[in-house]
Amino acid sequence: MSDLLERLRERGWRMTSQRRVVVEVLAGDHVHLTADEVHVRAARRLPEIARATVYNTLGELVSLGEVVEVAVQGRVKRFDPNAHHPHQHLVCTGCGTIRDVRATGMPADLPPEERFGFAVSAVEVTYRGLCPSCACGAGRA
């Protein structure tokens, strides 16, 4: 059973067949699917699942804090089920592939004079570059 499915069961989340298939599609390492990709994969397992059901389920999972929306500049948002494990993202600037990375170095602390009165609760770091496929393709242009 996936971490996500197990956490949802522990929370007592009502597990319909539609919700279960969405959660199962999200299970796995480095899964950062768009809502449409989730729908396509879910429909392979449960053909009658509606696109609205997928969108609603994803919205609910985000509201519960069990899935994180990942917005990559200029691209469709993606959904990351790895919400309970600290990590950063490595994003390909060519194709938009996203990978989870666990960098060991801590980002520099924001000096108090640069906080403008904010109570900082989190820091997000995104590494950007070209994946191997895009890097090879870039050399052929």
Protein backbone atom coordinates (compact mmCIF):
# COMPACT_ATOMS: atom_id res chain seq x y z
CA MET A 1 0.00 0.00 0.00
CA SER A 2 1.30 3.49 -0.82
CA ASP A 3 2.17 6.03 1.88
CA LEU A 4 -0.55 8.31 0.58
CA LEU A 5 -3.24 5.62 0.63
CA GLU A 6 -2.20 4.56 4.12
CA ARG A 7 -2.26 8.15 5.45
CA LEU A 8 -5.72 8.72 3.98
CA ARG A 9 -7.05 5.54 5.55
CA GLU A 10 -5.63 6.59 8.93
CA ARG A 11 -7.44 9.91 8.57
CA GLY A 12 -10.72 8.11 7.92
CA TRP A 13 -11.04 9.63 4.44
CA ARG A 14 -14.00 8.08 2.63
CA MET A 15 -12.41 5.82 0.02
CA THR A 16 -14.71 5.46 -2.99
CA SER A 17 -13.50 3.51 -6.01
CA GLN A 18 -12.96 6.80 -7.88
CA ARG A 19 -10.92 8.35 -5.08
CA ARG A 20 -8.91 5.17 -4.66
CA VAL A 21 -7.92 5.02 -8.32
CA VAL A 22 -6.80 8.69 -8.25
CA VAL A 23 -4.66 7.97 -5.18
CA GLU A 24 -3.22 4.84 -6.79
CA VAL A 25 -2.29 6.81 -9.91
CA LEU A 26 -0.40 9.31 -7.74
CA ALA A 27 1.57 6.61 -5.89
CA GLY A 28 5.24 6.23 -6.74
CA ASP A 29 8.56 8.02 -6.79
CA HIS A 30 8.94 11.24 -8.73
CA VAL A 31 5.28 11.42 -9.69
CA HIS A 32 4.37 14.96 -10.75
CA LEU A 33 1.36 14.52 -13.00
CA THR A 34 -1.01 17.14 -14.36
CA ALA A 35 -4.72 16.73 -13.58
CA ASP A 36 -5.31 15.62 -17.17
CA GLU A 37 -2.54 13.00 -16.91
CA VAL A 38 -4.10 11.73 -13.68
CA HIS A 39 -7.46 11.49 -15.45
CA VAL A 40 -6.06 9.57 -18.43
CA ARG A 41 -4.29 7.05 -16.17
CA ALA A 42 -7.28 6.75 -13.84
CA ALA A 43 -9.62 6.15 -16.81
CA ARG A 44 -7.45 3.20 -17.91
CA ARG A 45 -8.23 1.56 -14.56
CA LEU A 46 -11.77 2.85 -14.12
CA PRO A 47 -13.21 3.92 -17.50
CA GLU A 48 -16.29 5.62 -16.03
CA ILE A 49 -14.32 8.10 -13.90
CA ALA A 50 -15.22 11.68 -14.76
CA ARG A 51 -12.68 14.43 -15.28
CA ALA A 52 -14.55 16.54 -12.68
CA THR A 53 -14.17 13.75 -10.12
CA VAL A 54 -10.40 13.70 -10.70
CA TYR A 55 -10.17 17.50 -10.37
CA ASN A 56 -12.33 17.50 -7.23
CA THR A 57 -10.34 14.67 -5.66
CA LEU A 58 -7.03 16.40 -6.39
CA GLY A 59 -8.39 19.64 -4.90
CA GLU A 60 -9.48 17.78 -1.78
CA LEU A 61 -6.09 16.07 -1.43
CA VAL A 62 -4.36 19.45 -1.72
CA SER A 63 -6.72 20.95 0.90
CA LEU A 64 -5.92 18.05 3.24
CA GLY A 65 -2.19 18.70 2.78
CA GLU A 66 -1.67 15.20 1.39
CA VAL A 67 -0.70 16.39 -2.10
CA VAL A 68 1.16 19.56 -3.08
CA GLU A 69 0.49 21.61 -6.19
CA VAL A 70 3.73 22.29 -8.03
CA ALA A 71 3.63 25.29 -10.34
CA VAL A 72 6.48 25.51 -12.80
CA GLN A 73 6.75 28.86 -14.51
CA GLY A 74 4.71 28.94 -17.71
CA ARG A 75 3.52 25.35 -17.41
CA VAL A 76 0.41 23.53 -16.20
CA LYS A 77 0.44 22.84 -12.47
CA ARG A 78 1.34 19.36 -11.36
CA PHE A 79 0.51 17.34 -8.26
CA ASP A 80 3.17 15.96 -5.93
CA PRO A 81 2.09 13.21 -3.50
CA ASN A 82 5.41 13.45 -1.65
CA ALA A 83 3.97 16.08 0.72
CA HIS A 84 5.25 14.57 3.97
CA HIS A 85 8.91 14.14 3.03
CA PRO A 86 11.10 17.27 2.88
CA HIS A 87 12.50 17.71 -0.60
CA GLN A 88 13.20 20.20 -3.35
CA HIS A 89 12.46 19.98 -7.05
CA LEU A 90 14.75 19.66 -10.04
CA VAL A 91 12.99 21.02 -13.13
CA CYS A 92 14.01 20.64 -16.76
CA THR A 93 13.75 24.03 -18.45
CA GLY A 94 13.28 22.25 -21.78
CA CYS A 95 10.49 19.71 -21.32
CA GLY A 96 9.28 20.53 -17.80
CA THR A 97 10.14 17.15 -16.24
CA ILE A 98 10.17 17.42 -12.44
CA ARG A 99 12.20 15.21 -10.11
CA ASP A 100 12.28 15.18 -6.32
CA VAL A 101 15.72 15.78 -4.82
CA ARG A 102 16.88 15.78 -1.24
CA ALA A 103 19.70 18.32 -1.19
CA THR A 104 21.71 18.15 2.00
CA GLY A 105 22.73 21.81 2.18
CA MET A 106 20.39 24.27 3.88
CA PRO A 107 19.44 27.46 2.02
CA ALA A 108 20.77 30.65 3.57
CA ASP A 109 18.63 32.07 6.36
CA LEU A 110 16.77 35.22 5.36
CA PRO A 111 18.18 38.10 7.42
CA PRO A 112 15.61 39.87 9.62
CA GLU A 113 16.00 43.13 7.68
CA GLU A 114 14.96 41.30 4.49
CA ARG A 115 11.79 39.75 5.97
CA PHE A 116 9.69 42.94 5.89
CA GLY A 117 7.86 41.80 9.02
CA PHE A 118 6.99 38.35 7.62
CA ALA A 119 7.05 35.35 9.94
CA VAL A 120 8.81 32.94 7.58
CA SER A 121 7.42 29.41 7.88
CA ALA A 122 8.92 27.66 4.86
CA VAL A 123 11.55 27.95 2.16
CA GLU A 124 11.17 26.49 -1.33
CA VAL A 125 14.18 25.75 -3.49
CA THR A 126 13.88 24.81 -7.16
CA TYR A 127 16.87 23.64 -9.16
CA ARG A 128 16.61 24.23 -12.90
CA GLY A 129 18.54 22.83 -15.83
CA LEU A 130 18.25 20.50 -18.79
CA CYS A 131 17.45 16.80 -18.36
CA PRO A 132 19.65 14.34 -20.30
CA SER A 133 17.13 14.04 -23.15
CA CYS A 134 16.83 17.79 -23.64
CA ALA A 135 20.59 18.34 -23.21
CA CYS A 136 21.29 15.82 -25.99
CA GLY A 137 18.65 17.41 -28.21
CA ALA A 138 20.04 20.90 -27.55
CA GLY A 139 23.40 19.85 -29.00
CA ARG A 140 21.79 18.83 -32.31
CA ALA A 141 20.07 22.14 -33.06
